[in-house]
Amino acid sequence: MRVAIGADHAGFLLKEHLKQTLQRLGHTVEDFGTDSEASVDYPPICMAVGRAVVDGRADRGIVLGGSGQGEQIAANKVPGVRAALCNDLFTARLSREHNDANVLSMGGRIVAFGLADEILELWLNTAFAGGRHQRRIDQITAAESAGQAR
């Protein structure tokens, strides 16, 4: 799987760790930054990750920050992105099964490396359930296309 990843300064260490995890699992990783723990604005990074997913340059995306909240919000500004904040296993599984999330957001100040690895693997390996959930995804997509999601 091709995975786009990006983080702000607070998510930098978790990003570096997850890049190694992804590579160990056999995935290809494209890093959209940042390159250190020096303060940086996260919106451009997270939107670049989202665009890579929507444009088909990546199969999935990961955005990381202190809490993951702002990063999820920024990524979701890209039409076609369904970014989910998952700081636990339950939300990681449901974000894929019910919402077909294509971008994962986590908080580097909230989730320890071991749990982050578990969340990541579960999220990558969980299939979208479709069925009644597809109808809801279609409604979100239609609203985005019509400009009604503004």
C-alpha atoms as a PDB file:
ATOM      1  CA  MET A   1       0.000   0.000   0.000  1.00  0.00           C
ATOM      2  CA  ARG A   2       1.179   3.555  -0.727  1.00  0.00           C
ATOM      3  CA  VAL A   3       0.832   5.722   2.380  1.00  0.00           C
ATOM      4  CA  ALA A   4       1.223   9.510   2.562  1.00  0.00           C
ATOM      5  CA  ILE A   5       2.211  10.777   5.999  1.00  0.00           C
ATOM      6  CA  GLY A   6       2.640  14.205   7.539  1.00  0.00           C
ATOM      7  CA  ALA A   7       2.917  15.807  10.945  1.00  0.00           C
ATOM      8  CA  ASP A   8       3.477  19.042  12.736  1.00  0.00           C
ATOM      9  CA  HIS A   9       6.216  19.471  15.348  1.00  0.00           C
ATOM     10  CA  ALA A  10       4.157  17.774  18.085  1.00  0.00           C
ATOM     11  CA  GLY A  11       3.557  14.712  15.905  1.00  0.00           C
ATOM     12  CA  PHE A  12       7.080  14.548  14.455  1.00  0.00           C
ATOM     13  CA  LEU A  13       8.429  11.774  16.696  1.00  0.00           C
ATOM     14  CA  LEU A  14       5.326   9.620  16.167  1.00  0.00           C
ATOM     15  CA  LYS A  15       5.599  10.212  12.399  1.00  0.00           C
ATOM     16  CA  GLU A  16       9.185   9.013  12.357  1.00  0.00           C
ATOM     17  CA  HIS A  17       8.213   5.930  14.363  1.00  0.00           C
ATOM     18  CA  LEU A  18       5.213   5.105  12.152  1.00  0.00           C
ATOM     19  CA  LYS A  19       7.292   5.485   8.982  1.00  0.00           C
ATOM     20  CA  GLN A  20       9.507   2.669  10.262  1.00  0.00           C
ATOM     21  CA  THR A  21       6.465   0.579  11.186  1.00  0.00           C
ATOM     22  CA  LEU A  22       4.926   1.087   7.743  1.00  0.00           C
ATOM     23  CA  GLN A  23       8.148   0.160   5.976  1.00  0.00           C
ATOM     24  CA  ARG A  24       8.574  -2.926   8.194  1.00  0.00           C
ATOM     25  CA  LEU A  25       5.042  -3.967   7.158  1.00  0.00           C
ATOM     26  CA  GLY A  26       5.998  -3.619   3.487  1.00  0.00           C
ATOM     27  CA  HIS A  27       4.230  -0.353   2.664  1.00  0.00           C
ATOM     28  CA  THR A  28       5.642   2.490   0.568  1.00  0.00           C
ATOM     29  CA  VAL A  29       5.764   5.796   2.455  1.00  0.00           C
ATOM     30  CA  GLU A  30       5.782   9.354   1.138  1.00  0.00           C
ATOM     31  CA  ASP A  31       6.673  11.875   3.847  1.00  0.00           C
ATOM     32  CA  PHE A  32       5.118  15.347   3.550  1.00  0.00           C
ATOM     33  CA  GLY A  33       6.979  16.730   6.572  1.00  0.00           C
ATOM     34  CA  THR A  34       7.773  18.219   8.969  1.00  0.00           C
ATOM     35  CA  ASP A  35      11.428  17.356   9.425  1.00  0.00           C
ATOM     36  CA  SER A  36      11.978  18.280  13.079  1.00  0.00           C
ATOM     37  CA  GLU A  37      10.361  19.280  16.353  1.00  0.00           C
ATOM     38  CA  ALA A  38      10.678  22.975  15.431  1.00  0.00           C
ATOM     39  CA  SER A  39       7.304  24.737  15.448  1.00  0.00           C
ATOM     40  CA  VAL A  40       5.462  24.586  12.128  1.00  0.00           C
ATOM     41  CA  ASP A  41       1.907  25.188  10.889  1.00  0.00           C
ATOM     42  CA  TYR A  42       0.108  21.910  10.198  1.00  0.00           C
ATOM     43  CA  PRO A  43      -2.659  22.867   7.705  1.00  0.00           C
ATOM     44  CA  PRO A  44      -0.501  22.868   4.539  1.00  0.00           C
ATOM     45  CA  ILE A  45       1.092  19.547   5.503  1.00  0.00           C
ATOM     46  CA  CYS A  46      -2.222  17.848   6.269  1.00  0.00           C
ATOM     47  CA  MET A  47      -3.899  19.174   3.147  1.00  0.00           C
ATOM     48  CA  ALA A  48      -0.953  17.933   1.045  1.00  0.00           C
ATOM     49  CA  VAL A  49      -1.412  14.455   2.535  1.00  0.00           C
ATOM     50  CA  GLY A  50      -5.129  14.635   1.759  1.00  0.00           C
ATOM     51  CA  ARG A  51      -4.508  15.742  -1.826  1.00  0.00           C
ATOM     52  CA  ALA A  52      -2.090  12.848  -2.349  1.00  0.00           C
ATOM     53  CA  VAL A  53      -4.836  10.420  -1.331  1.00  0.00           C
ATOM     54  CA  VAL A  54      -7.598  12.061  -3.374  1.00  0.00           C
ATOM     55  CA  ASP A  55      -5.337  12.394  -6.437  1.00  0.00           C
ATOM     56  CA  GLY A  56      -4.468   8.690  -6.252  1.00  0.00           C
ATOM     57  CA  ARG A  57      -0.777   9.157  -5.479  1.00  0.00           C
ATOM     58  CA  ALA A  58      -1.385   7.390  -2.148  1.00  0.00           C
ATOM     59  CA  ASP A  59      -3.874   4.727  -1.121  1.00  0.00           C
ATOM     60  CA  ARG A  60      -4.198   6.077   2.413  1.00  0.00           C
ATOM     61  CA  GLY A  61      -2.921   8.985   4.449  1.00  0.00           C
ATOM     62  CA  ILE A  62      -1.825   9.639   8.013  1.00  0.00           C
ATOM     63  CA  VAL A  63      -1.703  13.045   9.738  1.00  0.00           C
ATOM     64  CA  LEU A  64      -0.247  13.562  13.196  1.00  0.00           C
ATOM     65  CA  GLY A  65      -0.104  16.366  15.717  1.00  0.00           C
ATOM     66  CA  GLY A  66      -0.274  16.907  19.440  1.00  0.00           C
ATOM     67  CA  SER A  67      -3.902  15.825  19.745  1.00  0.00           C
ATOM     68  CA  GLY A  68      -4.647  15.022  16.099  1.00  0.00           C
ATOM     69  CA  GLN A  69      -7.741  17.249  16.176  1.00  0.00           C
ATOM     70  CA  GLY A  70      -6.487  20.150  14.083  1.00  0.00           C
ATOM     71  CA  GLU A  71      -4.752  17.810  11.678  1.00  0.00           C
ATOM     72  CA  GLN A  72      -7.975  15.886  11.086  1.00  0.00           C
ATOM     73  CA  ILE A  73      -9.881  19.122  10.505  1.00  0.00           C
ATOM     74  CA  ALA A  74      -7.282  20.429   8.045  1.00  0.00           C
ATOM     75  CA  ALA A  75      -7.147  17.172   6.066  1.00  0.00           C
ATOM     76  CA  ASN A  76     -10.947  17.090   5.872  1.00  0.00           C
ATOM     77  CA  LYS A  77     -10.935  20.439   4.036  1.00  0.00           C
ATOM     78  CA  VAL A  78      -9.759  18.548   0.936  1.00  0.00           C
ATOM     79  CA  PRO A  79     -12.865  17.301  -0.922  1.00  0.00           C
ATOM     80  CA  GLY A  80     -12.863  13.515  -0.988  1.00  0.00           C
ATOM     81  CA  VAL A  81     -10.900  13.115   2.223  1.00  0.00           C
ATOM     82  CA  ARG A  82     -12.554  11.271   5.079  1.00  0.00           C
ATOM     83  CA  ALA A  83     -10.060  11.802   7.903  1.00  0.00           C
ATOM     84  CA  ALA A  84     -10.795  10.148  11.227  1.00  0.00           C
ATOM     85  CA  LEU A  85      -9.235  10.940  14.598  1.00  0.00           C
ATOM     86  CA  CYS A  86      -8.440   7.564  16.129  1.00  0.00           C
ATOM     87  CA  ASN A  87      -6.612   7.553  19.422  1.00  0.00           C
ATOM     88  CA  ASP A  88      -7.998   4.098  20.305  1.00  0.00           C
ATOM     89  CA  LEU A  89      -8.670   0.761  18.612  1.00  0.00           C
ATOM     90  CA  PHE A  90     -12.471   1.003  18.623  1.00  0.00           C
ATOM     91  CA  THR A  91     -12.631   4.251  16.646  1.00  0.00           C
ATOM     92  CA  ALA A  92      -9.904   3.001  14.296  1.00  0.00           C
ATOM     93  CA  ARG A  93     -11.950  -0.069  13.388  1.00  0.00           C
ATOM     94  CA  LEU A  94     -15.245   1.796  13.009  1.00  0.00           C
ATOM     95  CA  SER A  95     -13.661   4.604  10.978  1.00  0.00           C
ATOM     96  CA  ARG A  96     -12.818   2.038   8.321  1.00  0.00           C
ATOM     97  CA  GLU A  97     -15.840  -0.290   8.623  1.00  0.00           C
ATOM     98  CA  HIS A  98     -18.520   2.418   8.739  1.00  0.00           C
ATOM     99  CA  ASN A  99     -16.908   5.545   7.285  1.00  0.00           C
ATOM    100  CA  ASP A 100     -14.369   4.210   4.773  1.00  0.00           C
ATOM    101  CA  ALA A 101     -11.866   6.674   6.268  1.00  0.00           C
ATOM    102  CA  ASN A 102      -8.962   7.251   3.918  1.00  0.00           C
ATOM    103  CA  VAL A 103      -6.865   9.399   6.274  1.00  0.00           C
ATOM    104  CA  LEU A 104      -5.957   8.456   9.841  1.00  0.00           C
ATOM    105  CA  SER A 105      -5.244  11.146  12.420  1.00  0.00           C
ATOM    106  CA  MET A 106      -3.586  10.536  15.782  1.00  0.00           C
ATOM    107  CA  GLY A 107      -2.178  12.620  18.612  1.00  0.00           C
ATOM    108  CA  GLY A 108       1.504  12.255  19.354  1.00  0.00           C
ATOM    109  CA  ARG A 109       0.951  13.661  22.842  1.00  0.00           C
ATOM    110  CA  ILE A 110      -1.870  11.190  23.483  1.00  0.00           C
ATOM    111  CA  VAL A 111      -0.947   7.849  21.889  1.00  0.00           C
ATOM    112  CA  ALA A 112       2.195   5.910  22.855  1.00  0.00           C
ATOM    113  CA  PHE A 113       4.183   4.218  20.098  1.00  0.00           C
ATOM    114  CA  GLY A 114       2.965   0.698  20.938  1.00  0.00           C
ATOM    115  CA  LEU A 115      -0.716   1.642  20.817  1.00  0.00           C
ATOM    116  CA  ALA A 116      -0.113   3.758  17.707  1.00  0.00           C
ATOM    117  CA  ASP A 117       1.294   0.669  15.958  1.00  0.00           C
ATOM    118  CA  GLU A 118      -1.797  -1.334  16.935  1.00  0.00           C
ATOM    119  CA  ILE A 119      -4.142   1.433  15.760  1.00  0.00           C
ATOM    120  CA  LEU A 120      -2.253   1.761  12.479  1.00  0.00           C
ATOM    121  CA  GLU A 121      -2.255  -1.967  11.706  1.00  0.00           C
ATOM    122  CA  LEU A 122      -5.939  -2.356  12.571  1.00  0.00           C
ATOM    123  CA  TRP A 123      -6.842   0.706  10.497  1.00  0.00           C
ATOM    124  CA  LEU A 124      -4.845  -0.456   7.483  1.00  0.00           C
ATOM    125  CA  ASN A 125      -6.265  -3.989   7.620  1.00  0.00           C
ATOM    126  CA  THR A 126      -9.939  -3.199   8.254  1.00  0.00           C
ATOM    127  CA  ALA A 127     -12.173  -3.268   5.190  1.00  0.00           C
ATOM    128  CA  PHE A 128     -15.109  -0.960   4.552  1.00  0.00           C
ATOM    129  CA  ALA A 129     -18.345  -2.815   5.334  1.00  0.00           C
ATOM    130  CA  GLY A 130     -20.362  -1.113   2.583  1.00  0.00           C
ATOM    131  CA  GLY A 131     -24.095  -1.813   2.735  1.00  0.00           C
ATOM    132  CA  ARG A 132     -26.042   0.857   4.592  1.00  0.00           C
ATOM    133  CA  HIS A 133     -22.794   2.715   5.235  1.00  0.00           C
ATOM    134  CA  GLN A 134     -22.196   3.237   1.512  1.00  0.00           C
ATOM    135  CA  ARG A 135     -25.407   5.246   1.274  1.00  0.00           C
ATOM    136  CA  ARG A 136     -24.050   7.662   3.881  1.00  0.00           C
ATOM    137  CA  ILE A 137     -20.671   7.987   2.168  1.00  0.00           C
ATOM    138  CA  ASP A 138     -22.533   8.737  -1.070  1.00  0.00           C
ATOM    139  CA  GLN A 139     -24.486  11.493   0.688  1.00  0.00           C
ATOM    140  CA  ILE A 140     -21.263  13.077   1.959  1.00  0.00           C
ATOM    141  CA  THR A 141     -19.692  12.867  -1.503  1.00  0.00           C
ATOM    142  CA  ALA A 142     -22.787  14.392  -3.139  1.00  0.00           C
ATOM    143  CA  ALA A 143     -22.792  17.279  -0.652  1.00  0.00           C
ATOM    144  CA  GLU A 144     -19.111  17.967  -1.356  1.00  0.00           C
ATOM    145  CA  SER A 145     -19.681  17.868  -5.113  1.00  0.00           C
ATOM    146  CA  ALA A 146     -22.643  20.234  -4.906  1.00  0.00           C
ATOM    147  CA  GLY A 147     -20.802  22.629  -2.619  1.00  0.00           C
ATOM    148  CA  GLN A 148     -23.362  21.971   0.110  1.00  0.00           C
ATOM    149  CA  ALA A 149     -20.745  20.856   2.585  1.00  0.00           C
ATOM    150  CA  ARG A 150     -19.654  24.439   3.115  1.00  0.00           C
END
